[in-house]
Amino acid sequence: MSIPLDPENDWKNKIADQILKDLLDIHKIQGNTIKKMKADQNGVFYVEEEISIDDVLKQF
């Protein structure tokens, strides 16, 4: 049995989905990549891998 979504949060989810879609469109137009980050044992972050927007969209 599933719990129905709260209508008050439904509109927030729709806005969040639209923002994500818009950000992906912007990055696709600009040709930017997404940087997959990791932290070393000292807690310093570094770029492990750069992923193109097209590759990210293929996963959806």
PDB file of N, CA and C in Angstrom:
ATOM      1  N   MET A   1       0.846  -1.171   0.000  1.00  0.00           N
ATOM      2  CA  MET A   1       0.000   0.000   0.000  1.00  0.00           C
ATOM      3  C   MET A   1       0.893   1.237   0.000  1.00  0.00           C
ATOM      4  N   SER A   2       0.629   2.151  -0.898  1.00  0.00           N
ATOM      5  CA  SER A   2       1.449   3.355  -0.977  1.00  0.00           C
ATOM      6  C   SER A   2       0.759   4.513  -0.263  1.00  0.00           C
ATOM      7  N   ILE A   3       1.562   5.423   0.182  1.00  0.00           N
ATOM      8  CA  ILE A   3       1.055   6.609   0.865  1.00  0.00           C
ATOM      9  C   ILE A   3       0.913   7.714  -0.178  1.00  0.00           C
ATOM     10  N   PRO A   4      -0.263   8.330  -0.275  1.00  0.00           N
ATOM     11  CA  PRO A   4      -0.424   9.399  -1.265  1.00  0.00           C
ATOM     12  C   PRO A   4       0.481  10.584  -0.945  1.00  0.00           C
ATOM     13  N   LEU A   5       0.970  11.225  -2.002  1.00  0.00           N
ATOM     14  CA  LEU A   5       1.834  12.387  -1.814  1.00  0.00           C
ATOM     15  C   LEU A   5       1.025  13.561  -1.288  1.00  0.00           C
ATOM     16  N   ASP A   6       1.639  14.320  -0.440  1.00  0.00           N
ATOM     17  CA  ASP A   6       1.015  15.526   0.086  1.00  0.00           C
ATOM     18  C   ASP A   6       0.916  16.542  -1.053  1.00  0.00           C
ATOM     19  N   PRO A   7      -0.302  17.029  -1.362  1.00  0.00           N
ATOM     20  CA  PRO A   7      -0.447  17.989  -2.467  1.00  0.00           C
ATOM     21  C   PRO A   7       0.418  19.235  -2.291  1.00  0.00           C
ATOM     22  N   GLU A   8       0.675  19.617  -1.046  1.00  0.00           N
ATOM     23  CA  GLU A   8       1.507  20.793  -0.808  1.00  0.00           C
ATOM     24  C   GLU A   8       2.935  20.556  -1.286  1.00  0.00           C
ATOM     25  N   ASN A   9       3.434  19.337  -1.146  1.00  0.00           N
ATOM     26  CA  ASN A   9       4.789  19.019  -1.586  1.00  0.00           C
ATOM     27  C   ASN A   9       4.845  18.681  -3.067  1.00  0.00           C
ATOM     28  N   ASP A  10       3.718  18.306  -3.654  1.00  0.00           N
ATOM     29  CA  ASP A  10       3.691  17.939  -5.066  1.00  0.00           C
ATOM     30  C   ASP A  10       4.146  19.103  -5.944  1.00  0.00           C
ATOM     31  N   TRP A  11       3.671  20.297  -5.665  1.00  0.00           N
ATOM     32  CA  TRP A  11       4.075  21.441  -6.484  1.00  0.00           C
ATOM     33  C   TRP A  11       5.549  21.758  -6.292  1.00  0.00           C
ATOM     34  N   LYS A  12       6.064  21.502  -5.086  1.00  0.00           N
ATOM     35  CA  LYS A  12       7.493  21.723  -4.841  1.00  0.00           C
ATOM     36  C   LYS A  12       8.329  20.740  -5.650  1.00  0.00           C
ATOM     37  N   ASN A  13       7.867  19.490  -5.731  1.00  0.00           N
ATOM     38  CA  ASN A  13       8.580  18.488  -6.522  1.00  0.00           C
ATOM     39  C   ASN A  13       8.562  18.846  -8.002  1.00  0.00           C
ATOM     40  N   LYS A  14       7.442  19.376  -8.479  1.00  0.00           N
ATOM     41  CA  LYS A  14       7.353  19.780  -9.887  1.00  0.00           C
ATOM     42  C   LYS A  14       8.315  20.923 -10.180  1.00  0.00           C
ATOM     43  N   ILE A  15       8.406  21.871  -9.262  1.00  0.00           N
ATOM     44  CA  ILE A  15       9.345  22.983  -9.444  1.00  0.00           C
ATOM     45  C   ILE A  15      10.783  22.471  -9.433  1.00  0.00           C
ATOM     46  N   ALA A  16      11.110  21.566  -8.506  1.00  0.00           N
ATOM     47  CA  ALA A  16      12.464  21.008  -8.432  1.00  0.00           C
ATOM     48  C   ALA A  16      12.810  20.257  -9.713  1.00  0.00           C
ATOM     49  N   ASP A  17      11.857  19.492 -10.250  1.00  0.00           N
ATOM     50  CA  ASP A  17      12.088  18.773 -11.504  1.00  0.00           C
ATOM     51  C   ASP A  17      12.340  19.745 -12.650  1.00  0.00           C
ATOM     52  N   GLN A  18      11.585  20.842 -12.700  1.00  0.00           N
ATOM     53  CA  GLN A  18      11.761  21.826 -13.764  1.00  0.00           C
ATOM     54  C   GLN A  18      13.106  22.529 -13.636  1.00  0.00           C
ATOM     55  N   ILE A  19      13.512  22.844 -12.415  1.00  0.00           N
ATOM     56  CA  ILE A  19      14.819  23.479 -12.206  1.00  0.00           C
ATOM     57  C   ILE A  19      15.936  22.554 -12.676  1.00  0.00           C
ATOM     58  N   LEU A  20      15.851  21.268 -12.329  1.00  0.00           N
ATOM     59  CA  LEU A  20      16.859  20.305 -12.771  1.00  0.00           C
ATOM     60  C   LEU A  20      16.898  20.229 -14.292  1.00  0.00           C
ATOM     61  N   LYS A  21      15.725  20.176 -14.923  1.00  0.00           N
ATOM     62  CA  LYS A  21      15.660  20.122 -16.386  1.00  0.00           C
ATOM     63  C   LYS A  21      16.304  21.371 -16.997  1.00  0.00           C
ATOM     64  N   ASP A  22      15.986  22.536 -16.441  1.00  0.00           N
ATOM     65  CA  ASP A  22      16.556  23.780 -16.952  1.00  0.00           C
ATOM     66  C   ASP A  22      18.073  23.809 -16.794  1.00  0.00           C
ATOM     67  N   LEU A  23      18.578  23.364 -15.647  1.00  0.00           N
ATOM     68  CA  LEU A  23      20.027  23.340 -15.433  1.00  0.00           C
ATOM     69  C   LEU A  23      20.716  22.392 -16.405  1.00  0.00           C
ATOM     70  N   LEU A  24      20.105  21.230 -16.649  1.00  0.00           N
ATOM     71  CA  LEU A  24      20.684  20.293 -17.610  1.00  0.00           C
ATOM     72  C   LEU A  24      20.694  20.895 -19.009  1.00  0.00           C
ATOM     73  N   ASP A  25      19.624  21.615 -19.379  1.00  0.00           N
ATOM     74  CA  ASP A  25      19.576  22.268 -20.689  1.00  0.00           C
ATOM     75  C   ASP A  25      20.663  23.329 -20.812  1.00  0.00           C
ATOM     76  N   ILE A  26      20.857  24.114 -19.764  1.00  0.00           N
ATOM     77  CA  ILE A  26      21.892  25.155 -19.781  1.00  0.00           C
ATOM     78  C   ILE A  26      23.272  24.528 -19.961  1.00  0.00           C
ATOM     79  N   HIS A  27      23.558  23.492 -19.193  1.00  0.00           N
ATOM     80  CA  HIS A  27      24.866  22.840 -19.296  1.00  0.00           C
ATOM     81  C   HIS A  27      25.054  22.205 -20.671  1.00  0.00           C
ATOM     82  N   LYS A  28      23.988  21.647 -21.218  1.00  0.00           N
ATOM     83  CA  LYS A  28      24.091  21.014 -22.536  1.00  0.00           C
ATOM     84  C   LYS A  28      24.421  22.060 -23.600  1.00  0.00           C
ATOM     85  N   ILE A  29      23.761  23.211 -23.528  1.00  0.00           N
ATOM     86  CA  ILE A  29      24.015  24.285 -24.488  1.00  0.00           C
ATOM     87  C   ILE A  29      25.442  24.805 -24.349  1.00  0.00           C
ATOM     88  N   GLN A  30      25.902  24.944 -23.120  1.00  0.00           N
ATOM     89  CA  GLN A  30      27.238  25.483 -22.875  1.00  0.00           C
ATOM     90  C   GLN A  30      28.337  24.455 -23.092  1.00  0.00           C
ATOM     91  N   GLY A  31      27.972  23.182 -23.176  1.00  0.00           N
ATOM     92  CA  GLY A  31      28.969  22.137 -23.368  1.00  0.00           C
ATOM     93  C   GLY A  31      29.765  21.836 -22.115  1.00  0.00           C
ATOM     94  N   ASN A  32      29.223  22.181 -20.961  1.00  0.00           N
ATOM     95  CA  ASN A  32      29.922  21.927 -19.696  1.00  0.00           C
ATOM     96  C   ASN A  32      29.900  20.443 -19.352  1.00  0.00           C
ATOM     97  N   THR A  33      30.790  20.062 -18.474  1.00  0.00           N
ATOM     98  CA  THR A  33      30.810  18.694 -17.968  1.00  0.00           C
ATOM     99  C   THR A  33      30.480  18.709 -16.482  1.00  0.00           C
ATOM    100  N   ILE A  34      30.035  17.577 -16.005  1.00  0.00           N
ATOM    101  CA  ILE A  34      29.787  17.413 -14.578  1.00  0.00           C
ATOM    102  C   ILE A  34      31.026  16.765 -13.985  1.00  0.00           C
ATOM    103  N   LYS A  35      31.478  17.310 -12.890  1.00  0.00           N
ATOM    104  CA  LYS A  35      32.686  16.784 -12.256  1.00  0.00           C
ATOM    105  C   LYS A  35      32.300  15.878 -11.095  1.00  0.00           C
ATOM    106  N   LYS A  36      32.742  14.621 -11.177  1.00  0.00           N
ATOM    107  CA  LYS A  36      32.513  13.667 -10.092  1.00  0.00           C
ATOM    108  C   LYS A  36      33.652  13.856  -9.099  1.00  0.00           C
ATOM    109  N   MET A  37      33.283  14.241  -7.879  1.00  0.00           N
ATOM    110  CA  MET A  37      34.280  14.574  -6.866  1.00  0.00           C
ATOM    111  C   MET A  37      34.455  13.427  -5.873  1.00  0.00           C
ATOM    112  N   LYS A  38      35.636  13.346  -5.317  1.00  0.00           N
ATOM    113  CA  LYS A  38      35.947  12.395  -4.238  1.00  0.00           C
ATOM    114  C   LYS A  38      36.806  13.124  -3.220  1.00  0.00           C
ATOM    115  N   ALA A  39      36.851  12.590  -2.021  1.00  0.00           N
ATOM    116  CA  ALA A  39      37.705  13.157  -0.975  1.00  0.00           C
ATOM    117  C   ALA A  39      38.786  12.143  -0.627  1.00  0.00           C
ATOM    118  N   ASP A  40      40.006  12.633  -0.429  1.00  0.00           N
ATOM    119  CA  ASP A  40      41.083  11.728  -0.018  1.00  0.00           C
ATOM    120  C   ASP A  40      41.029  11.520   1.496  1.00  0.00           C
ATOM    121  N   GLN A  41      41.998  10.804   2.032  1.00  0.00           N
ATOM    122  CA  GLN A  41      41.985  10.474   3.459  1.00  0.00           C
ATOM    123  C   GLN A  41      42.112  11.707   4.352  1.00  0.00           C
ATOM    124  N   ASN A  42      42.583  12.818   3.791  1.00  0.00           N
ATOM    125  CA  ASN A  42      42.712  14.064   4.561  1.00  0.00           C
ATOM    126  C   ASN A  42      41.480  14.957   4.435  1.00  0.00           C
ATOM    127  N   GLY A  43      40.482  14.494   3.681  1.00  0.00           N
ATOM    128  CA  GLY A  43      39.269  15.281   3.496  1.00  0.00           C
ATOM    129  C   GLY A  43      39.376  16.337   2.415  1.00  0.00           C
ATOM    130  N   VAL A  44      40.416  16.248   1.588  1.00  0.00           N
ATOM    131  CA  VAL A  44      40.590  17.190   0.489  1.00  0.00           C
ATOM    132  C   VAL A  44      39.880  16.633  -0.741  1.00  0.00           C
ATOM    133  N   PHE A  45      39.008  17.456  -1.333  1.00  0.00           N
ATOM    134  CA  PHE A  45      38.261  17.010  -2.504  1.00  0.00           C
ATOM    135  C   PHE A  45      39.080  17.181  -3.774  1.00  0.00           C
ATOM    136  N   TYR A  46      38.883  16.263  -4.706  1.00  0.00           N
ATOM    137  CA  TYR A  46      39.528  16.343  -6.010  1.00  0.00           C
ATOM    138  C   TYR A  46      38.565  15.797  -7.062  1.00  0.00           C
ATOM    139  N   VAL A  47      38.807  16.168  -8.319  1.00  0.00           N
ATOM    140  CA  VAL A  47      37.967  15.701  -9.420  1.00  0.00           C
ATOM    141  C   VAL A  47      38.427  14.309  -9.807  1.00  0.00           C
ATOM    142  N   GLU A  48      37.535  13.345  -9.639  1.00  0.00           N
ATOM    143  CA  GLU A  48      37.858  11.971 -10.007  1.00  0.00           C
ATOM    144  C   GLU A  48      37.589  11.730 -11.489  1.00  0.00           C
ATOM    145  N   GLU A  49      36.505  12.336 -11.982  1.00  0.00           N
ATOM    146  CA  GLU A  49      36.100  12.073 -13.359  1.00  0.00           C
ATOM    147  C   GLU A  49      35.229  13.223 -13.843  1.00  0.00           C
ATOM    148  N   GLU A  50      35.352  13.567 -15.122  1.00  0.00           N
ATOM    149  CA  GLU A  50      34.454  14.545 -15.730  1.00  0.00           C
ATOM    150  C   GLU A  50      33.521  13.789 -16.661  1.00  0.00           C
ATOM    151  N   ILE A  51      32.228  14.050 -16.509  1.00  0.00           N
ATOM    152  CA  ILE A  51      31.212  13.334 -17.275  1.00  0.00           C
ATOM    153  C   ILE A  51      30.458  14.347 -18.126  1.00  0.00           C
ATOM    154  N   SER A  52      30.274  14.045 -19.404  1.00  0.00           N
ATOM    155  CA  SER A  52      29.538  14.959 -20.270  1.00  0.00           C
ATOM    156  C   SER A  52      28.049  14.896 -19.941  1.00  0.00           C
ATOM    157  N   ILE A  53      27.358  15.984 -20.226  1.00  0.00           N
ATOM    158  CA  ILE A  53      25.914  16.049 -19.976  1.00  0.00           C
ATOM    159  C   ILE A  53      25.192  14.981 -20.785  1.00  0.00           C
ATOM    160  N   ASP A  54      25.639  14.737 -22.014  1.00  0.00           N
ATOM    161  CA  ASP A  54      24.997  13.714 -22.848  1.00  0.00           C
ATOM    162  C   ASP A  54      25.062  12.347 -22.188  1.00  0.00           C
ATOM    163  N   ASP A  55      26.194  12.016 -21.570  1.00  0.00           N
ATOM    164  CA  ASP A  55      26.317  10.730 -20.874  1.00  0.00           C
ATOM    165  C   ASP A  55      25.376  10.652 -19.677  1.00  0.00           C
ATOM    166  N   VAL A  56      25.217  11.778 -18.977  1.00  0.00           N
ATOM    167  CA  VAL A  56      24.297  11.806 -17.832  1.00  0.00           C
ATOM    168  C   VAL A  56      22.867  11.599 -18.307  1.00  0.00           C
ATOM    169  N   LEU A  57      22.501  12.282 -19.387  1.00  0.00           N
ATOM    170  CA  LEU A  57      21.128  12.172 -19.891  1.00  0.00           C
ATOM    171  C   LEU A  57      20.818  10.771 -20.403  1.00  0.00           C
ATOM    172  N   LYS A  58      21.813  10.058 -20.906  1.00  0.00           N
ATOM    173  CA  LYS A  58      21.600   8.684 -21.382  1.00  0.00           C
ATOM    174  C   LYS A  58      21.208   7.753 -20.241  1.00  0.00           C
ATOM    175  N   GLN A  59      21.617   8.094 -19.015  1.00  0.00           N
ATOM    176  CA  GLN A  59      21.299   7.258 -17.859  1.00  0.00           C
ATOM    177  C   GLN A  59      19.838   7.388 -17.452  1.00  0.00           C
ATOM    178  N   PHE A  60      19.174   8.461 -17.872  1.00  0.00           N
ATOM    179  CA  PHE A  60      17.769   8.667 -17.517  1.00  0.00           C
ATOM    180  C   PHE A  60      16.938   8.127 -18.611  1.00  0.00           C
TER     181      PHE A  60
END
